[in-house]
């Protein structure tokens, strides 16, 4: 859960210095990389869905 919260904070640019240091002190960056990629894919898919909903007009 800590990784997810760190990724979300990084997306919004509100990561605290203490949390950033804690994140970089971890042994492996793999969970952060995977979570970041999944987060970006979900974000892009959400934007595509929103645009499709707006362009489809009134229901």
PDB file of N, CA and C in Angstrom:
ATOM      1  N   UNK A   1       0.833  -1.196   0.000  1.00  0.00           N
ATOM      2  CA  UNK A   1       0.000   0.000   0.000  1.00  0.00           C
ATOM      3  C   UNK A   1       0.871   1.250   0.000  1.00  0.00           C
ATOM      4  N   UNK A   2       2.007   1.151   0.674  1.00  0.00           N
ATOM      5  CA  UNK A   2       2.918   2.292   0.733  1.00  0.00           C
ATOM      6  C   UNK A   2       3.412   2.678  -0.650  1.00  0.00           C
ATOM      7  N   UNK A   3       3.654   1.669  -1.487  1.00  0.00           N
ATOM      8  CA  UNK A   3       4.127   1.922  -2.851  1.00  0.00           C
ATOM      9  C   UNK A   3       3.051   2.658  -3.641  1.00  0.00           C
ATOM     10  N   UNK A   4       1.809   2.226  -3.523  1.00  0.00           N
ATOM     11  CA  UNK A   4       0.709   2.861  -4.251  1.00  0.00           C
ATOM     12  C   UNK A   4       0.560   4.314  -3.827  1.00  0.00           C
ATOM     13  N   UNK A   5       0.620   4.580  -2.533  1.00  0.00           N
ATOM     14  CA  UNK A   5       0.506   5.959  -2.057  1.00  0.00           C
ATOM     15  C   UNK A   5       1.669   6.822  -2.545  1.00  0.00           C
ATOM     16  N   UNK A   6       2.849   6.253  -2.591  1.00  0.00           N
ATOM     17  CA  UNK A   6       3.998   6.993  -3.096  1.00  0.00           C
ATOM     18  C   UNK A   6       3.848   7.315  -4.578  1.00  0.00           C
ATOM     19  N   UNK A   7       3.336   6.355  -5.349  1.00  0.00           N
ATOM     20  CA  UNK A   7       3.125   6.571  -6.781  1.00  0.00           C
ATOM     21  C   UNK A   7       2.070   7.654  -6.998  1.00  0.00           C
ATOM     22  N   UNK A   8       0.969   7.601  -6.250  1.00  0.00           N
ATOM     23  CA  UNK A   8      -0.067   8.624  -6.383  1.00  0.00           C
ATOM     24  C   UNK A   8       0.453  10.005  -6.014  1.00  0.00           C
ATOM     25  N   UNK A   9       1.232  10.084  -4.948  1.00  0.00           N
ATOM     26  CA  UNK A   9       1.814  11.367  -4.560  1.00  0.00           C
ATOM     27  C   UNK A   9       2.764  11.884  -5.636  1.00  0.00           C
ATOM     28  N   UNK A  10       3.507  10.997  -6.251  1.00  0.00           N
ATOM     29  CA  UNK A  10       4.421  11.397  -7.320  1.00  0.00           C
ATOM     30  C   UNK A  10       3.652  11.885  -8.543  1.00  0.00           C
ATOM     31  N   UNK A  11       2.529  11.241  -8.867  1.00  0.00           N
ATOM     32  CA  UNK A  11       1.713  11.689 -10.001  1.00  0.00           C
ATOM     33  C   UNK A  11       1.238  13.125  -9.802  1.00  0.00           C
ATOM     34  N   UNK A  12       0.866  13.457  -8.572  1.00  0.00           N
ATOM     35  CA  UNK A  12       0.358  14.792  -8.292  1.00  0.00           C
ATOM     36  C   UNK A  12       1.463  15.773  -7.912  1.00  0.00           C
ATOM     37  N   UNK A  13       2.674  15.281  -7.718  1.00  0.00           N
ATOM     38  CA  UNK A  13       3.797  16.159  -7.403  1.00  0.00           C
ATOM     39  C   UNK A  13       3.799  16.664  -5.978  1.00  0.00           C
ATOM     40  N   UNK A  14       3.248  15.905  -5.055  1.00  0.00           N
ATOM     41  CA  UNK A  14       3.156  16.348  -3.664  1.00  0.00           C
ATOM     42  C   UNK A  14       3.930  15.435  -2.707  1.00  0.00           C
ATOM     43  N   UNK A  15       4.908  14.729  -3.230  1.00  0.00           N
ATOM     44  CA  UNK A  15       5.696  13.803  -2.411  1.00  0.00           C
ATOM     45  C   UNK A  15       6.551  14.589  -1.417  1.00  0.00           C
ATOM     46  N   UNK A  16       6.505  14.217  -0.143  1.00  0.00           N
ATOM     47  CA  UNK A  16       7.328  14.891   0.863  1.00  0.00           C
ATOM     48  C   UNK A  16       8.768  14.383   0.766  1.00  0.00           C
ATOM     49  N   UNK A  17       9.665  15.174   1.259  1.00  0.00           N
ATOM     50  CA  UNK A  17      11.087  14.809   1.219  1.00  0.00           C
ATOM     51  C   UNK A  17      11.348  13.542   2.032  1.00  0.00           C
ATOM     52  N   UNK A  18      10.693  13.423   3.172  1.00  0.00           N
ATOM     53  CA  UNK A  18      10.884  12.229   4.021  1.00  0.00           C
ATOM     54  C   UNK A  18      10.406  10.966   3.304  1.00  0.00           C
ATOM     55  N   UNK A  19       9.259  11.061   2.637  1.00  0.00           N
ATOM     56  CA  UNK A  19       8.753   9.885   1.911  1.00  0.00           C
ATOM     57  C   UNK A  19       9.638   9.562   0.715  1.00  0.00           C
ATOM     58  N   UNK A  20      10.138  10.574   0.043  1.00  0.00           N
ATOM     59  CA  UNK A  20      11.020  10.335  -1.098  1.00  0.00           C
ATOM     60  C   UNK A  20      12.285   9.619  -0.652  1.00  0.00           C
ATOM     61  N   UNK A  21      12.862  10.053   0.445  1.00  0.00           N
ATOM     62  CA  UNK A  21      14.063   9.389   0.964  1.00  0.00           C
ATOM     63  C   UNK A  21      13.776   7.948   1.362  1.00  0.00           C
ATOM     64  N   UNK A  22      12.622   7.727   1.988  1.00  0.00           N
ATOM     65  CA  UNK A  22      12.230   6.372   2.381  1.00  0.00           C
ATOM     66  C   UNK A  22      12.076   5.483   1.150  1.00  0.00           C
ATOM     67  N   UNK A  23      11.461   6.034   0.114  1.00  0.00           N
ATOM     68  CA  UNK A  23      11.261   5.254  -1.110  1.00  0.00           C
ATOM     69  C   UNK A  23      12.583   4.883  -1.759  1.00  0.00           C
ATOM     70  N   UNK A  24      13.523   5.811  -1.807  1.00  0.00           N
ATOM     71  CA  UNK A  24      14.802   5.529  -2.446  1.00  0.00           C
ATOM     72  C   UNK A  24      15.719   4.680  -1.571  1.00  0.00           C
ATOM     73  N   UNK A  25      15.389   4.517  -0.308  1.00  0.00           N
ATOM     74  CA  UNK A  25      16.184   3.671   0.574  1.00  0.00           C
ATOM     75  C   UNK A  25      15.811   2.194   0.432  1.00  0.00           C
ATOM     76  N   UNK A  26      14.657   1.917  -0.172  1.00  0.00           N
ATOM     77  CA  UNK A  26      14.248   0.522  -0.385  1.00  0.00           C
ATOM     78  C   UNK A  26      15.250  -0.191  -1.284  1.00  0.00           C
ATOM     79  N   UNK A  27      15.335  -1.494  -1.118  1.00  0.00           N
ATOM     80  CA  UNK A  27      16.334  -2.283  -1.836  1.00  0.00           C
ATOM     81  C   UNK A  27      16.035  -2.394  -3.328  1.00  0.00           C
ATOM     82  N   UNK A  28      14.778  -2.526  -3.689  1.00  0.00           N
ATOM     83  CA  UNK A  28      14.450  -2.784  -5.086  1.00  0.00           C
ATOM     84  C   UNK A  28      13.485  -1.737  -5.631  1.00  0.00           C
ATOM     85  N   UNK A  29      13.785  -1.169  -6.799  1.00  0.00           N
ATOM     86  CA  UNK A  29      12.880  -0.205  -7.411  1.00  0.00           C
ATOM     87  C   UNK A  29      11.761  -0.863  -8.227  1.00  0.00           C
ATOM     88  N   UNK A  30      11.805  -2.188  -8.371  1.00  0.00           N
ATOM     89  CA  UNK A  30      10.855  -2.903  -9.221  1.00  0.00           C
ATOM     90  C   UNK A  30       9.396  -2.637  -8.835  1.00  0.00           C
ATOM     91  N   UNK A  31       9.006  -2.692  -7.549  1.00  0.00           N
ATOM     92  CA  UNK A  31       7.595  -2.422  -7.221  1.00  0.00           C
ATOM     93  C   UNK A  31       7.153  -1.018  -7.631  1.00  0.00           C
ATOM     94  N   UNK A  32       8.052  -0.046  -7.533  1.00  0.00           N
ATOM     95  CA  UNK A  32       7.719   1.329  -7.910  1.00  0.00           C
ATOM     96  C   UNK A  32       7.585   1.456  -9.423  1.00  0.00           C
ATOM     97  N   UNK A  33       8.434   0.785 -10.154  1.00  0.00           N
ATOM     98  CA  UNK A  33       8.387   0.835 -11.615  1.00  0.00           C
ATOM     99  C   UNK A  33       7.108   0.187 -12.123  1.00  0.00           C
ATOM    100  N   UNK A  34       6.805  -1.001 -11.608  1.00  0.00           N
ATOM    101  CA  UNK A  34       5.600  -1.717 -12.037  1.00  0.00           C
ATOM    102  C   UNK A  34       4.350  -0.922 -11.659  1.00  0.00           C
ATOM    103  N   UNK A  35       4.302  -0.403 -10.443  1.00  0.00           N
ATOM    104  CA  UNK A  35       3.142   0.375 -10.010  1.00  0.00           C
ATOM    105  C   UNK A  35       2.992   1.648 -10.839  1.00  0.00           C
ATOM    106  N   UNK A  36       4.099   2.276 -11.176  1.00  0.00           N
ATOM    107  CA  UNK A  36       4.050   3.477 -12.002  1.00  0.00           C
ATOM    108  C   UNK A  36       3.516   3.193 -13.387  1.00  0.00           C
ATOM    109  N   UNK A  37       3.958   2.106 -13.988  1.00  0.00           N
ATOM    110  CA  UNK A  37       3.479   1.739 -15.325  1.00  0.00           C
ATOM    111  C   UNK A  37       1.992   1.409 -15.283  1.00  0.00           C
ATOM    112  N   UNK A  38       1.574   0.639 -14.292  1.00  0.00           N
ATOM    113  CA  UNK A  38       0.149   0.306 -14.154  1.00  0.00           C
ATOM    114  C   UNK A  38      -0.666   1.581 -13.935  1.00  0.00           C
ATOM    115  N   UNK A  39      -0.179   2.486 -13.122  1.00  0.00           N
ATOM    116  CA  UNK A  39      -0.880   3.746 -12.870  1.00  0.00           C
ATOM    117  C   UNK A  39      -1.031   4.586 -14.125  1.00  0.00           C
ATOM    118  N   UNK A  40       0.018   4.666 -14.920  1.00  0.00           N
ATOM    119  CA  UNK A  40      -0.041   5.441 -16.161  1.00  0.00           C
ATOM    120  C   UNK A  40      -1.022   4.804 -17.144  1.00  0.00           C
ATOM    121  N   UNK A  41      -0.990   3.487 -17.263  1.00  0.00           N
ATOM    122  CA  UNK A  41      -1.913   2.795 -18.173  1.00  0.00           C
ATOM    123  C   UNK A  41      -3.356   3.024 -17.736  1.00  0.00           C
ATOM    124  N   UNK A  42      -3.633   2.908 -16.445  1.00  0.00           N
ATOM    125  CA  UNK A  42      -4.993   3.163 -15.949  1.00  0.00           C
ATOM    126  C   UNK A  42      -5.420   4.602 -16.192  1.00  0.00           C
ATOM    127  N   UNK A  43      -4.511   5.537 -16.013  1.00  0.00           N
ATOM    128  CA  UNK A  43      -4.805   6.946 -16.242  1.00  0.00           C
ATOM    129  C   UNK A  43      -5.149   7.199 -17.710  1.00  0.00           C
ATOM    130  N   UNK A  44      -4.353   6.657 -18.615  1.00  0.00           N
ATOM    131  CA  UNK A  44      -4.598   6.841 -20.048  1.00  0.00           C
ATOM    132  C   UNK A  44      -5.913   6.180 -20.459  1.00  0.00           C
ATOM    133  N   UNK A  45      -6.168   4.980 -19.982  1.00  0.00           N
ATOM    134  CA  UNK A  45      -7.430   4.308 -20.304  1.00  0.00           C
ATOM    135  C   UNK A  45      -8.635   5.087 -19.774  1.00  0.00           C
ATOM    136  N   UNK A  46      -8.496   5.676 -18.595  1.00  0.00           N
ATOM    137  CA  UNK A  46      -9.570   6.501 -18.040  1.00  0.00           C
ATOM    138  C   UNK A  46      -9.809   7.728 -18.905  1.00  0.00           C
ATOM    139  N   UNK A  47      -8.737   8.377 -19.362  1.00  0.00           N
ATOM    140  CA  UNK A  47      -8.894   9.538 -20.236  1.00  0.00           C
ATOM    141  C   UNK A  47      -9.551   9.153 -21.553  1.00  0.00           C
ATOM    142  N   UNK A  48      -9.164   8.029 -22.119  1.00  0.00           N
ATOM    143  CA  UNK A  48      -9.786   7.562 -23.367  1.00  0.00           C
ATOM    144  C   UNK A  48     -11.270   7.306 -23.149  1.00  0.00           C
ATOM    145  N   UNK A  49     -11.630   6.681 -22.054  1.00  0.00           N
ATOM    146  CA  UNK A  49     -13.039   6.409 -21.751  1.00  0.00           C
ATOM    147  C   UNK A  49     -13.826   7.703 -21.597  1.00  0.00           C
ATOM    148  N   UNK A  50     -13.263   8.685 -20.881  1.00  0.00           N
ATOM    149  CA  UNK A  50     -13.943   9.973 -20.685  1.00  0.00           C
ATOM    150  C   UNK A  50     -14.147  10.678 -22.020  1.00  0.00           C
ATOM    151  N   UNK A  51     -13.135  10.710 -22.858  1.00  0.00           N
ATOM    152  CA  UNK A  51     -13.258  11.364 -24.161  1.00  0.00           C
ATOM    153  C   UNK A  51     -14.304  10.659 -25.009  1.00  0.00           C
ATOM    154  N   UNK A  52     -14.328   9.349 -25.010  1.00  0.00           N
ATOM    155  CA  UNK A  52     -15.338   8.617 -25.766  1.00  0.00           C
ATOM    156  C   UNK A  52     -16.751   8.911 -25.261  1.00  0.00           C
ATOM    157  N   UNK A  53     -16.906   9.038 -23.957  1.00  0.00           N
ATOM    158  CA  UNK A  53     -18.205   9.357 -23.386  1.00  0.00           C
ATOM    159  C   UNK A  53     -18.652  10.758 -23.791  1.00  0.00           C
ATOM    160  N   UNK A  54     -17.733  11.702 -23.786  1.00  0.00           N
ATOM    161  CA  UNK A  54     -18.072  13.084 -24.151  1.00  0.00           C
ATOM    162  C   UNK A  54     -18.400  13.176 -25.633  1.00  0.00           C
ATOM    163  N   UNK A  55     -17.637  12.492 -26.478  1.00  0.00           N
ATOM    164  CA  UNK A  55     -17.858  12.564 -27.909  1.00  0.00           C
ATOM    165  C   UNK A  55     -19.089  11.790 -28.384  1.00  0.00           C
ATOM    166  N   UNK A  56     -19.561  10.869 -27.575  1.00  0.00           N
ATOM    167  CA  UNK A  56     -20.742  10.092 -27.973  1.00  0.00           C
ATOM    168  C   UNK A  56     -22.025  10.909 -27.877  1.00  0.00           C
ATOM    169  N   UNK A  57     -21.975  12.067 -27.238  1.00  0.00           N
ATOM    170  CA  UNK A  57     -23.129  12.957 -27.163  1.00  0.00           C
ATOM    171  C   UNK A  57     -24.090  12.552 -26.075  1.00  0.00           C
ATOM    172  N   UNK A  58     -25.225  13.273 -26.037  1.00  0.00           N
ATOM    173  CA  UNK A  58     -26.236  12.975 -24.999  1.00  0.00           C
ATOM    174  C   UNK A  58     -26.877  11.623 -25.236  1.00  0.00           C
ATOM    175  N   UNK A  59     -27.188  10.998 -24.136  1.00  0.00           N
ATOM    176  CA  UNK A  59     -27.769   9.655 -24.202  1.00  0.00           C
ATOM    177  C   UNK A  59     -29.263   9.742 -24.253  1.00  0.00           C
TER     178      UNK A  59
END
